[in-house]
Amino acid sequence: MRRHSTGMMAGGIVMVSFVPIALLAAWVADLEQSDCEGNGLFSIDGSESRNTGVDCGRFDATIYGGLATAAVLAGVGIPMIVIGGKKEPAGFARVTPWATPHAAGLGLRLDL
């Protein structure tokens, strides 16, 4: 038995390993946006935004991009791991009978 594709399995593992990085980038951007709006972790009194005139929506692309990237990486990487790691036979043997007027027997052919 051998793996279907070692490269495919390794590529899937690499892709899935980048999912936490994409989620971390989205989470940090969300914290920055909450802080910019004045209602985040770093807000002292939770009152009105102290950043009037600042575009706090600029973090939306990073947040949604990080979430979409994580979903795509996981959605493609996990099947690559499963399909690439699937065990399949390394080869098969074919037995062929033969006969002549003076002899008979079996022939064995290995296809790897």
PDB file of N, CA and C in Angstrom:
ATOM      1  N   MET A   1       0.842  -1.176   0.000  1.00  0.00           N
ATOM      2  CA  MET A   1       0.000   0.000   0.000  1.00  0.00           C
ATOM      3  C   MET A   1       0.893   1.247   0.000  1.00  0.00           C
ATOM      4  N   ARG A   2       0.455   2.246  -0.752  1.00  0.00           N
ATOM      5  CA  ARG A   2       1.192   3.511  -0.769  1.00  0.00           C
ATOM      6  C   ARG A   2       0.185   4.663  -0.803  1.00  0.00           C
ATOM      7  N   ARG A   3       0.670   5.842  -0.494  1.00  0.00           N
ATOM      8  CA  ARG A   3      -0.202   7.017  -0.487  1.00  0.00           C
ATOM      9  C   ARG A   3      -0.575   7.405  -1.915  1.00  0.00           C
ATOM     10  N   HIS A   4      -1.752   7.986  -2.046  1.00  0.00           N
ATOM     11  CA  HIS A   4      -2.205   8.449  -3.360  1.00  0.00           C
ATOM     12  C   HIS A   4      -1.253   9.509  -3.896  1.00  0.00           C
ATOM     13  N   SER A   5      -0.943  10.522  -3.067  1.00  0.00           N
ATOM     14  CA  SER A   5      -0.016  11.578  -3.474  1.00  0.00           C
ATOM     15  C   SER A   5       0.575  12.240  -2.231  1.00  0.00           C
ATOM     16  N   THR A   6       1.833  12.008  -2.008  1.00  0.00           N
ATOM     17  CA  THR A   6       2.498  12.610  -0.852  1.00  0.00           C
ATOM     18  C   THR A   6       2.561  14.125  -0.989  1.00  0.00           C
ATOM     19  N   GLY A   7       2.784  14.617  -2.201  1.00  0.00           N
ATOM     20  CA  GLY A   7       2.833  16.065  -2.431  1.00  0.00           C
ATOM     21  C   GLY A   7       1.500  16.732  -2.157  1.00  0.00           C
ATOM     22  N   MET A   8       0.420  16.076  -2.557  1.00  0.00           N
ATOM     23  CA  MET A   8      -0.916  16.622  -2.309  1.00  0.00           C
ATOM     24  C   MET A   8      -1.196  16.678  -0.810  1.00  0.00           C
ATOM     25  N   MET A   9      -0.823  15.634  -0.097  1.00  0.00           N
ATOM     26  CA  MET A   9      -1.029  15.611   1.343  1.00  0.00           C
ATOM     27  C   MET A   9      -0.192  16.697   2.025  1.00  0.00           C
ATOM     28  N   ALA A  10       1.056  16.853   1.628  1.00  0.00           N
ATOM     29  CA  ALA A  10       1.919  17.876   2.227  1.00  0.00           C
ATOM     30  C   ALA A  10       1.403  19.278   1.910  1.00  0.00           C
ATOM     31  N   GLY A  11       0.936  19.496   0.685  1.00  0.00           N
ATOM     32  CA  GLY A  11       0.362  20.792   0.325  1.00  0.00           C
ATOM     33  C   GLY A  11      -0.871  21.115   1.156  1.00  0.00           C
ATOM     34  N   GLY A  12      -1.710  20.117   1.406  1.00  0.00           N
ATOM     35  CA  GLY A  12      -2.883  20.316   2.252  1.00  0.00           C
ATOM     36  C   GLY A  12      -2.505  20.664   3.680  1.00  0.00           C
ATOM     37  N   ILE A  13      -1.473  20.025   4.200  1.00  0.00           N
ATOM     38  CA  ILE A  13      -1.023  20.325   5.558  1.00  0.00           C
ATOM     39  C   ILE A  13      -0.513  21.756   5.640  1.00  0.00           C
ATOM     40  N   VAL A  14       0.231  22.185   4.634  1.00  0.00           N
ATOM     41  CA  VAL A  14       0.735  23.565   4.628  1.00  0.00           C
ATOM     42  C   VAL A  14      -0.423  24.556   4.559  1.00  0.00           C
ATOM     43  N   MET A  15      -1.411  24.269   3.712  1.00  0.00           N
ATOM     44  CA  MET A  15      -2.557  25.175   3.582  1.00  0.00           C
ATOM     45  C   MET A  15      -3.332  25.274   4.894  1.00  0.00           C
ATOM     46  N   VAL A  16      -3.568  24.154   5.531  1.00  0.00           N
ATOM     47  CA  VAL A  16      -4.320  24.162   6.794  1.00  0.00           C
ATOM     48  C   VAL A  16      -3.523  24.852   7.895  1.00  0.00           C
ATOM     49  N   SER A  17      -2.194  24.795   7.821  1.00  0.00           N
ATOM     50  CA  SER A  17      -1.393  25.454   8.850  1.00  0.00           C
ATOM     51  C   SER A  17      -1.455  26.978   8.752  1.00  0.00           C
ATOM     52  N   PHE A  18      -1.862  27.528   7.594  1.00  0.00           N
ATOM     53  CA  PHE A  18      -2.007  28.972   7.445  1.00  0.00           C
ATOM     54  C   PHE A  18      -3.366  29.490   7.919  1.00  0.00           C
ATOM     55  N   VAL A  19      -4.309  28.606   8.209  1.00  0.00           N
ATOM     56  CA  VAL A  19      -5.643  29.027   8.666  1.00  0.00           C
ATOM     57  C   VAL A  19      -5.566  29.830   9.963  1.00  0.00           C
ATOM     58  N   PRO A  20      -4.824  29.386  10.998  1.00  0.00           N
ATOM     59  CA  PRO A  20      -4.759  30.197  12.223  1.00  0.00           C
ATOM     60  C   PRO A  20      -4.146  31.580  12.005  1.00  0.00           C
ATOM     61  N   ILE A  21      -3.216  31.697  11.065  1.00  0.00           N
ATOM     62  CA  ILE A  21      -2.608  33.003  10.792  1.00  0.00           C
ATOM     63  C   ILE A  21      -3.636  33.948  10.188  1.00  0.00           C
ATOM     64  N   ALA A  22      -4.446  33.447   9.262  1.00  0.00           N
ATOM     65  CA  ALA A  22      -5.495  34.277   8.655  1.00  0.00           C
ATOM     66  C   ALA A  22      -6.537  34.679   9.698  1.00  0.00           C
ATOM     67  N   LEU A  23      -6.892  33.746  10.579  1.00  0.00           N
ATOM     68  CA  LEU A  23      -7.857  34.077  11.637  1.00  0.00           C
ATOM     69  C   LEU A  23      -7.274  35.080  12.626  1.00  0.00           C
ATOM     70  N   LEU A  24      -6.000  34.964  12.925  1.00  0.00           N
ATOM     71  CA  LEU A  24      -5.345  35.916  13.830  1.00  0.00           C
ATOM     72  C   LEU A  24      -5.323  37.311  13.214  1.00  0.00           C
ATOM     73  N   ALA A  25      -5.055  37.406  11.915  1.00  0.00           N
ATOM     74  CA  ALA A  25      -5.058  38.706  11.249  1.00  0.00           C
ATOM     75  C   ALA A  25      -6.448  39.335  11.297  1.00  0.00           C
ATOM     76  N   ALA A  26      -7.487  38.541  11.080  1.00  0.00           N
ATOM     77  CA  ALA A  26      -8.859  39.054  11.140  1.00  0.00           C
ATOM     78  C   ALA A  26      -9.207  39.495  12.559  1.00  0.00           C
ATOM     79  N   TRP A  27      -8.771  38.738  13.555  1.00  0.00           N
ATOM     80  CA  TRP A  27      -9.073  39.067  14.955  1.00  0.00           C
ATOM     81  C   TRP A  27      -8.377  40.365  15.376  1.00  0.00           C
ATOM     82  N   VAL A  28      -7.117  40.519  14.994  1.00  0.00           N
ATOM     83  CA  VAL A  28      -6.379  41.738  15.342  1.00  0.00           C
ATOM     84  C   VAL A  28      -7.017  42.944  14.659  1.00  0.00           C
ATOM     85  N   ALA A  29      -7.423  42.798  13.404  1.00  0.00           N
ATOM     86  CA  ALA A  29      -8.087  43.907  12.709  1.00  0.00           C
ATOM     87  C   ALA A  29      -9.408  44.256  13.381  1.00  0.00           C
ATOM     88  N   ASP A  30     -10.128  43.247  13.878  1.00  0.00           N
ATOM     89  CA  ASP A  30     -11.374  43.506  14.593  1.00  0.00           C
ATOM     90  C   ASP A  30     -11.116  44.259  15.897  1.00  0.00           C
ATOM     91  N   LEU A  31     -10.057  43.884  16.603  1.00  0.00           N
ATOM     92  CA  LEU A  31      -9.704  44.611  17.829  1.00  0.00           C
ATOM     93  C   LEU A  31      -9.337  46.057  17.519  1.00  0.00           C
ATOM     94  N   GLU A  32      -8.587  46.267  16.454  1.00  0.00           N
ATOM     95  CA  GLU A  32      -8.204  47.625  16.063  1.00  0.00           C
ATOM     96  C   GLU A  32      -9.433  48.446  15.671  1.00  0.00           C
ATOM     97  N   GLN A  33     -10.362  47.833  14.955  1.00  0.00           N
ATOM     98  CA  GLN A  33     -11.571  48.552  14.566  1.00  0.00           C
ATOM     99  C   GLN A  33     -12.418  48.894  15.792  1.00  0.00           C
ATOM    100  N   SER A  34     -12.541  47.971  16.725  1.00  0.00           N
ATOM    101  CA  SER A  34     -13.299  48.249  17.944  1.00  0.00           C
ATOM    102  C   SER A  34     -12.651  49.360  18.749  1.00  0.00           C
ATOM    103  N   ASP A  35     -11.323  49.355  18.803  1.00  0.00           N
ATOM    104  CA  ASP A  35     -10.619  50.413  19.523  1.00  0.00           C
ATOM    105  C   ASP A  35     -10.781  51.752  18.809  1.00  0.00           C
ATOM    106  N   CYS A  36     -10.782  51.739  17.496  1.00  0.00           N
ATOM    107  CA  CYS A  36     -10.951  52.965  16.715  1.00  0.00           C
ATOM    108  C   CYS A  36     -12.339  53.564  16.949  1.00  0.00           C
ATOM    109  N   GLU A  37     -13.334  52.699  17.069  1.00  0.00           N
ATOM    110  CA  GLU A  37     -14.702  53.168  17.289  1.00  0.00           C
ATOM    111  C   GLU A  37     -14.944  53.591  18.729  1.00  0.00           C
ATOM    112  N   GLY A  38     -14.029  53.266  19.606  1.00  0.00           N
ATOM    113  CA  GLY A  38     -14.137  53.701  20.991  1.00  0.00           C
ATOM    114  C   GLY A  38     -14.879  52.747  21.901  1.00  0.00           C
ATOM    115  N   ASN A  39     -15.208  51.555  21.428  1.00  0.00           N
ATOM    116  CA  ASN A  39     -15.919  50.610  22.282  1.00  0.00           C
ATOM    117  C   ASN A  39     -15.189  49.277  22.345  1.00  0.00           C
ATOM    118  N   GLY A  40     -13.898  49.300  22.245  1.00  0.00           N
ATOM    119  CA  GLY A  40     -13.113  48.078  22.251  1.00  0.00           C
ATOM    120  C   GLY A  40     -12.484  47.806  23.598  1.00  0.00           C
ATOM    121  N   LEU A  41     -11.524  46.923  23.609  1.00  0.00           N
ATOM    122  CA  LEU A  41     -10.840  46.542  24.835  1.00  0.00           C
ATOM    123  C   LEU A  41     -10.061  47.706  25.451  1.00  0.00           C
ATOM    124  N   PHE A  42      -9.585  48.593  24.586  1.00  0.00           N
ATOM    125  CA  PHE A  42      -8.706  49.649  25.065  1.00  0.00           C
ATOM    126  C   PHE A  42      -9.451  50.947  25.367  1.00  0.00           C
ATOM    127  N   SER A  43     -10.769  50.889  25.309  1.00  0.00           N
ATOM    128  CA  SER A  43     -11.578  52.066  25.600  1.00  0.00           C
ATOM    129  C   SER A  43     -11.674  52.250  27.113  1.00  0.00           C
ATOM    130  N   ILE A  44     -11.504  53.480  27.566  1.00  0.00           N
ATOM    131  CA  ILE A  44     -11.522  53.746  29.009  1.00  0.00           C
ATOM    132  C   ILE A  44     -12.945  53.858  29.529  1.00  0.00           C
ATOM    133  N   ASP A  45     -13.773  54.646  28.868  1.00  0.00           N
ATOM    134  CA  ASP A  45     -15.109  54.875  29.410  1.00  0.00           C
ATOM    135  C   ASP A  45     -16.227  54.356  28.511  1.00  0.00           C
ATOM    136  N   GLY A  46     -15.925  53.866  27.317  1.00  0.00           N
ATOM    137  CA  GLY A  46     -16.946  53.326  26.428  1.00  0.00           C
ATOM    138  C   GLY A  46     -17.843  54.394  25.828  1.00  0.00           C
ATOM    139  N   SER A  47     -17.437  55.650  25.895  1.00  0.00           N
ATOM    140  CA  SER A  47     -18.259  56.744  25.385  1.00  0.00           C
ATOM    141  C   SER A  47     -18.083  56.899  23.878  1.00  0.00           C
ATOM    142  N   GLU A  48     -18.426  58.048  23.364  1.00  0.00           N
ATOM    143  CA  GLU A  48     -18.330  58.331  21.936  1.00  0.00           C
ATOM    144  C   GLU A  48     -16.902  58.113  21.439  1.00  0.00           C
ATOM    145  N   SER A  49     -16.795  57.892  20.154  1.00  0.00           N
ATOM    146  CA  SER A  49     -15.493  57.663  19.549  1.00  0.00           C
ATOM    147  C   SER A  49     -14.602  58.890  19.722  1.00  0.00           C
ATOM    148  N   ARG A  50     -13.385  58.656  20.140  1.00  0.00           N
ATOM    149  CA  ARG A  50     -12.439  59.759  20.303  1.00  0.00           C
ATOM    150  C   ARG A  50     -11.708  60.028  18.989  1.00  0.00           C
ATOM    151  N   ASN A  51     -12.006  59.225  17.978  1.00  0.00           N
ATOM    152  CA  ASN A  51     -11.368  59.355  16.674  1.00  0.00           C
ATOM    153  C   ASN A  51     -12.357  59.910  15.659  1.00  0.00           C
ATOM    154  N   THR A  52     -12.913  61.079  15.938  1.00  0.00           N
ATOM    155  CA  THR A  52     -13.854  61.661  14.988  1.00  0.00           C
ATOM    156  C   THR A  52     -13.118  62.062  13.729  1.00  0.00           C
ATOM    157  N   GLY A  53     -13.727  61.782  12.604  1.00  0.00           N
ATOM    158  CA  GLY A  53     -13.115  62.096  11.329  1.00  0.00           C
ATOM    159  C   GLY A  53     -12.196  61.013  10.813  1.00  0.00           C
ATOM    160  N   VAL A  54     -11.988  59.943  11.582  1.00  0.00           N
ATOM    161  CA  VAL A  54     -11.128  58.838  11.165  1.00  0.00           C
ATOM    162  C   VAL A  54     -12.021  57.728  10.609  1.00  0.00           C
ATOM    163  N   ASP A  55     -11.608  57.138   9.500  1.00  0.00           N
ATOM    164  CA  ASP A  55     -12.381  56.063   8.873  1.00  0.00           C
ATOM    165  C   ASP A  55     -12.095  54.746   9.590  1.00  0.00           C
ATOM    166  N   CYS A  56     -12.974  54.367  10.508  1.00  0.00           N
ATOM    167  CA  CYS A  56     -12.788  53.108  11.235  1.00  0.00           C
ATOM    168  C   CYS A  56     -13.218  51.906  10.401  1.00  0.00           C
ATOM    169  N   GLY A  57     -13.881  52.136   9.285  1.00  0.00           N
ATOM    170  CA  GLY A  57     -14.298  51.049   8.414  1.00  0.00           C
ATOM    171  C   GLY A  57     -13.183  50.510   7.545  1.00  0.00           C
ATOM    172  N   ARG A  58     -12.007  51.102   7.626  1.00  0.00           N
ATOM    173  CA  ARG A  58     -10.891  50.647   6.797  1.00  0.00           C
ATOM    174  C   ARG A  58     -10.407  49.252   7.194  1.00  0.00           C
ATOM    175  N   PHE A  59     -10.822  48.780   8.369  1.00  0.00           N
ATOM    176  CA  PHE A  59     -10.414  47.458   8.833  1.00  0.00           C
ATOM    177  C   PHE A  59     -11.315  46.350   8.286  1.00  0.00           C
ATOM    178  N   ASP A  60     -12.457  46.730   7.682  1.00  0.00           N
ATOM    179  CA  ASP A  60     -13.403  45.729   7.198  1.00  0.00           C
ATOM    180  C   ASP A  60     -12.787  44.800   6.160  1.00  0.00           C
ATOM    181  N   ALA A  61     -12.008  45.337   5.251  1.00  0.00           N
ATOM    182  CA  ALA A  61     -11.396  44.503   4.208  1.00  0.00           C
ATOM    183  C   ALA A  61     -10.465  43.456   4.819  1.00  0.00           C
ATOM    184  N   THR A  62      -9.717  43.846   5.834  1.00  0.00           N
ATOM    185  CA  THR A  62      -8.812  42.895   6.480  1.00  0.00           C
ATOM    186  C   THR A  62      -9.593  41.839   7.241  1.00  0.00           C
ATOM    187  N   ILE A  63     -10.652  42.255   7.914  1.00  0.00           N
ATOM    188  CA  ILE A  63     -11.452  41.298   8.683  1.00  0.00           C
ATOM    189  C   ILE A  63     -12.098  40.276   7.750  1.00  0.00           C
ATOM    190  N   TYR A  64     -12.827  40.764   6.746  1.00  0.00           N
ATOM    191  CA  TYR A  64     -13.519  39.847   5.849  1.00  0.00           C
ATOM    192  C   TYR A  64     -12.547  39.066   4.972  1.00  0.00           C
ATOM    193  N   GLY A  65     -11.465  39.704   4.574  1.00  0.00           N
ATOM    194  CA  GLY A  65     -10.454  39.001   3.792  1.00  0.00           C
ATOM    195  C   GLY A  65      -9.797  37.884   4.579  1.00  0.00           C
ATOM    196  N   GLY A  66      -9.503  38.129   5.851  1.00  0.00           N
ATOM    197  CA  GLY A  66      -8.913  37.089   6.697  1.00  0.00           C
ATOM    198  C   GLY A  66      -9.858  35.922   6.913  1.00  0.00           C
ATOM    199  N   LEU A  67     -11.138  36.228   7.130  1.00  0.00           N
ATOM    200  CA  LEU A  67     -12.118  35.159   7.323  1.00  0.00           C
ATOM    201  C   LEU A  67     -12.326  34.354   6.045  1.00  0.00           C
ATOM    202  N   ALA A  68     -12.406  35.046   4.909  1.00  0.00           N
ATOM    203  CA  ALA A  68     -12.583  34.344   3.634  1.00  0.00           C
ATOM    204  C   ALA A  68     -11.357  33.502   3.296  1.00  0.00           C
ATOM    205  N   THR A  69     -10.181  34.045   3.546  1.00  0.00           N
ATOM    206  CA  THR A  69      -8.955  33.305   3.283  1.00  0.00           C
ATOM    207  C   THR A  69      -8.879  32.049   4.148  1.00  0.00           C
ATOM    208  N   ALA A  70      -9.225  32.178   5.431  1.00  0.00           N
ATOM    209  CA  ALA A  70      -9.213  31.016   6.324  1.00  0.00           C
ATOM    210  C   ALA A  70     -10.189  29.955   5.847  1.00  0.00           C
ATOM    211  N   ALA A  71     -11.377  30.375   5.408  1.00  0.00           N
ATOM    212  CA  ALA A  71     -12.378  29.415   4.937  1.00  0.00           C
ATOM    213  C   ALA A  71     -11.905  28.695   3.671  1.00  0.00           C
ATOM    214  N   VAL A  72     -11.298  29.439   2.747  1.00  0.00           N
ATOM    215  CA  VAL A  72     -10.824  28.820   1.503  1.00  0.00           C
ATOM    216  C   VAL A  72      -9.658  27.876   1.785  1.00  0.00           C
ATOM    217  N   LEU A  73      -8.712  28.313   2.609  1.00  0.00           N
ATOM    218  CA  LEU A  73      -7.570  27.455   2.928  1.00  0.00           C
ATOM    219  C   LEU A  73      -8.005  26.163   3.599  1.00  0.00           C
ATOM    220  N   ALA A  74      -8.946  26.252   4.535  1.00  0.00           N
ATOM    221  CA  ALA A  74      -9.431  25.046   5.206  1.00  0.00           C
ATOM    222  C   ALA A  74     -10.263  24.195   4.252  1.00  0.00           C
ATOM    223  N   GLY A  75     -11.093  24.848   3.434  1.00  0.00           N
ATOM    224  CA  GLY A  75     -11.956  24.112   2.519  1.00  0.00           C
ATOM    225  C   GLY A  75     -11.209  23.380   1.425  1.00  0.00           C
ATOM    226  N   VAL A  76     -10.048  23.870   1.047  1.00  0.00           N
ATOM    227  CA  VAL A  76      -9.242  23.202   0.021  1.00  0.00           C
ATOM    228  C   VAL A  76      -8.194  22.295   0.659  1.00  0.00           C
ATOM    229  N   GLY A  77      -7.617  22.726   1.778  1.00  0.00           N
ATOM    230  CA  GLY A  77      -6.532  21.967   2.402  1.00  0.00           C
ATOM    231  C   GLY A  77      -6.962  20.648   3.014  1.00  0.00           C
ATOM    232  N   ILE A  78      -8.113  20.626   3.665  1.00  0.00           N
ATOM    233  CA  ILE A  78      -8.573  19.394   4.322  1.00  0.00           C
ATOM    234  C   ILE A  78      -8.843  18.290   3.295  1.00  0.00           C
ATOM    235  N   PRO A  79      -9.576  18.559   2.197  1.00  0.00           N
ATOM    236  CA  PRO A  79      -9.732  17.485   1.202  1.00  0.00           C
ATOM    237  C   PRO A  79      -8.410  17.038   0.582  1.00  0.00           C
ATOM    238  N   MET A  80      -7.458  17.971   0.422  1.00  0.00           N
ATOM    239  CA  MET A  80      -6.152  17.580  -0.117  1.00  0.00           C
ATOM    240  C   MET A  80      -5.446  16.609   0.822  1.00  0.00           C
ATOM    241  N   ILE A  81      -5.553  16.841   2.118  1.00  0.00           N
ATOM    242  CA  ILE A  81      -4.941  15.924   3.092  1.00  0.00           C
ATOM    243  C   ILE A  81      -5.599  14.554   3.006  1.00  0.00           C
ATOM    244  N   VAL A  82      -6.929  14.548   2.961  1.00  0.00           N
ATOM    245  CA  VAL A  82      -7.664  13.278   2.946  1.00  0.00           C
ATOM    246  C   VAL A  82      -7.388  12.499   1.659  1.00  0.00           C
ATOM    247  N   ILE A  83      -7.484  13.170   0.505  1.00  0.00           N
ATOM    248  CA  ILE A  83      -7.290  12.479  -0.770  1.00  0.00           C
ATOM    249  C   ILE A  83      -5.829  12.077  -0.960  1.00  0.00           C
ATOM    250  N   GLY A  84      -4.909  12.981  -0.637  1.00  0.00           N
ATOM    251  CA  GLY A  84      -3.488  12.669  -0.812  1.00  0.00           C
ATOM    252  C   GLY A  84      -2.995  11.590   0.118  1.00  0.00           C
ATOM    253  N   GLY A  85      -3.571  11.485   1.298  1.00  0.00           N
ATOM    254  CA  GLY A  85      -3.127  10.494   2.270  1.00  0.00           C
ATOM    255  C   GLY A  85      -3.805   9.151   2.143  1.00  0.00           C
ATOM    256  N   LYS A  86      -4.776   9.044   1.235  1.00  0.00           N
ATOM    257  CA  LYS A  86      -5.508   7.794   1.071  1.00  0.00           C
ATOM    258  C   LYS A  86      -4.560   6.697   0.593  1.00  0.00           C
ATOM    259  N   LYS A  87      -4.639   5.546   1.234  1.00  0.00           N
ATOM    260  CA  LYS A  87      -3.791   4.415   0.870  1.00  0.00           C
ATOM    261  C   LYS A  87      -4.427   3.659  -0.289  1.00  0.00           C
ATOM    262  N   GLU A  88      -3.589   3.277  -1.248  1.00  0.00           N
ATOM    263  CA  GLU A  88      -4.056   2.486  -2.373  1.00  0.00           C
ATOM    264  C   GLU A  88      -3.005   1.426  -2.685  1.00  0.00           C
ATOM    265  N   PRO A  89      -3.400   0.385  -3.372  1.00  0.00           N
ATOM    266  CA  PRO A  89      -2.435  -0.683  -3.659  1.00  0.00           C
ATOM    267  C   PRO A  89      -1.251  -0.165  -4.476  1.00  0.00           C
ATOM    268  N   ALA A  90      -0.083  -0.689  -4.169  1.00  0.00           N
ATOM    269  CA  ALA A  90       1.127  -0.266  -4.866  1.00  0.00           C
ATOM    270  C   ALA A  90       1.181  -0.820  -6.284  1.00  0.00           C
ATOM    271  N   GLY A  91       0.559  -1.925  -6.539  1.00  0.00           N
ATOM    272  CA  GLY A  91       0.555  -2.548  -7.856  1.00  0.00           C
ATOM    273  C   GLY A  91      -0.345  -3.761  -7.811  1.00  0.00           C
ATOM    274  N   PHE A  92      -0.427  -4.465  -8.910  1.00  0.00           N
ATOM    275  CA  PHE A  92      -1.234  -5.669  -8.905  1.00  0.00           C
ATOM    276  C   PHE A  92      -0.558  -6.728  -9.757  1.00  0.00           C
ATOM    277  N   ALA A  93      -0.923  -7.954  -9.493  1.00  0.00           N
ATOM    278  CA  ALA A  93      -0.363  -9.086 -10.213  1.00  0.00           C
ATOM    279  C   ALA A  93      -1.426  -9.656 -11.141  1.00  0.00           C
ATOM    280  N   ARG A  94      -0.994 -10.060 -12.307  1.00  0.00           N
ATOM    281  CA  ARG A  94      -1.906 -10.651 -13.278  1.00  0.00           C
ATOM    282  C   ARG A  94      -1.394 -12.063 -13.587  1.00  0.00           C
ATOM    283  N   VAL A  95      -2.271 -13.026 -13.418  1.00  0.00           N
ATOM    284  CA  VAL A  95      -1.939 -14.419 -13.713  1.00  0.00           C
ATOM    285  C   VAL A  95      -2.588 -14.773 -15.053  1.00  0.00           C
ATOM    286  N   THR A  96      -1.768 -15.260 -15.973  1.00  0.00           N
ATOM    287  CA  THR A  96      -2.255 -15.588 -17.316  1.00  0.00           C
ATOM    288  C   THR A  96      -1.921 -17.047 -17.633  1.00  0.00           C
ATOM    289  N   PRO A  97      -2.950 -17.835 -17.893  1.00  0.00           N
ATOM    290  CA  PRO A  97      -2.651 -19.215 -18.298  1.00  0.00           C
ATOM    291  C   PRO A  97      -2.182 -19.266 -19.752  1.00  0.00           C
ATOM    292  N   TRP A  98      -1.335 -20.206 -20.071  1.00  0.00           N
ATOM    293  CA  TRP A  98      -0.874 -20.393 -21.432  1.00  0.00           C
ATOM    294  C   TRP A  98      -0.775 -21.884 -21.724  1.00  0.00           C
ATOM    295  N   ALA A  99      -0.894 -22.193 -22.971  1.00  0.00           N
ATOM    296  CA  ALA A  99      -0.812 -23.601 -23.382  1.00  0.00           C
ATOM    297  C   ALA A  99      -0.271 -23.678 -24.800  1.00  0.00           C
ATOM    298  N   THR A 100       0.573 -24.661 -25.008  1.00  0.00           N
ATOM    299  CA  THR A 100       1.088 -24.978 -26.343  1.00  0.00           C
ATOM    300  C   THR A 100       0.844 -26.473 -26.573  1.00  0.00           C
ATOM    301  N   PRO A 101       1.121 -26.968 -27.749  1.00  0.00           N
ATOM    302  CA  PRO A 101       0.912 -28.399 -27.968  1.00  0.00           C
ATOM    303  C   PRO A 101       1.827 -29.279 -27.104  1.00  0.00           C
ATOM    304  N   HIS A 102       2.924 -28.715 -26.608  1.00  0.00           N
ATOM    305  CA  HIS A 102       3.875 -29.538 -25.851  1.00  0.00           C
ATOM    306  C   HIS A 102       3.933 -29.190 -24.368  1.00  0.00           C
ATOM    307  N   ALA A 103       3.335 -28.063 -23.942  1.00  0.00           N
ATOM    308  CA  ALA A 103       3.432 -27.689 -22.527  1.00  0.00           C
ATOM    309  C   ALA A 103       2.305 -26.711 -22.184  1.00  0.00           C
ATOM    310  N   ALA A 104       2.124 -26.513 -20.889  1.00  0.00           N
ATOM    311  CA  ALA A 104       1.130 -25.563 -20.399  1.00  0.00           C
ATOM    312  C   ALA A 104       1.640 -24.996 -19.085  1.00  0.00           C
ATOM    313  N   GLY A 105       1.059 -23.859 -18.685  1.00  0.00           N
ATOM    314  CA  GLY A 105       1.494 -23.257 -17.422  1.00  0.00           C
ATOM    315  C   GLY A 105       0.782 -21.957 -17.153  1.00  0.00           C
ATOM    316  N   LEU A 106       1.277 -21.282 -16.170  1.00  0.00           N
ATOM    317  CA  LEU A 106       0.736 -19.989 -15.783  1.00  0.00           C
ATOM    318  C   LEU A 106       1.840 -18.944 -15.881  1.00  0.00           C
ATOM    319  N   GLY A 107       1.487 -17.789 -16.385  1.00  0.00           N
ATOM    320  CA  GLY A 107       2.424 -16.666 -16.435  1.00  0.00           C
ATOM    321  C   GLY A 107       2.024 -15.632 -15.390  1.00  0.00           C
ATOM    322  N   LEU A 108       2.983 -15.052 -14.721  1.00  0.00           N
ATOM    323  CA  LEU A 108       2.734 -14.053 -13.692  1.00  0.00           C
ATOM    324  C   LEU A 108       3.325 -12.729 -14.144  1.00  0.00           C
ATOM    325  N   ARG A 109       2.512 -11.668 -14.165  1.00  0.00           N
ATOM    326  CA  ARG A 109       2.982 -10.347 -14.564  1.00  0.00           C
ATOM    327  C   ARG A 109       2.656  -9.362 -13.456  1.00  0.00           C
ATOM    328  N   LEU A 110       3.650  -8.614 -13.000  1.00  0.00           N
ATOM    329  CA  LEU A 110       3.472  -7.614 -11.959  1.00  0.00           C
ATOM    330  C   LEU A 110       3.434  -6.228 -12.593  1.00  0.00           C
ATOM    331  N   ASP A 111       2.372  -5.475 -12.344  1.00  0.00           N
ATOM    332  CA  ASP A 111       2.245  -4.099 -12.817  1.00  0.00           C
ATOM    333  C   ASP A 111       2.390  -3.169 -11.619  1.00  0.00           C
ATOM    334  N   LEU A 112       3.453  -2.398 -11.610  1.00  0.00           N
ATOM    335  CA  LEU A 112       3.676  -1.494 -10.472  1.00  0.00           C
ATOM    336  C   LEU A 112       3.391  -0.090 -10.831  1.00  0.00           C
TER     337      LEU A 112
END
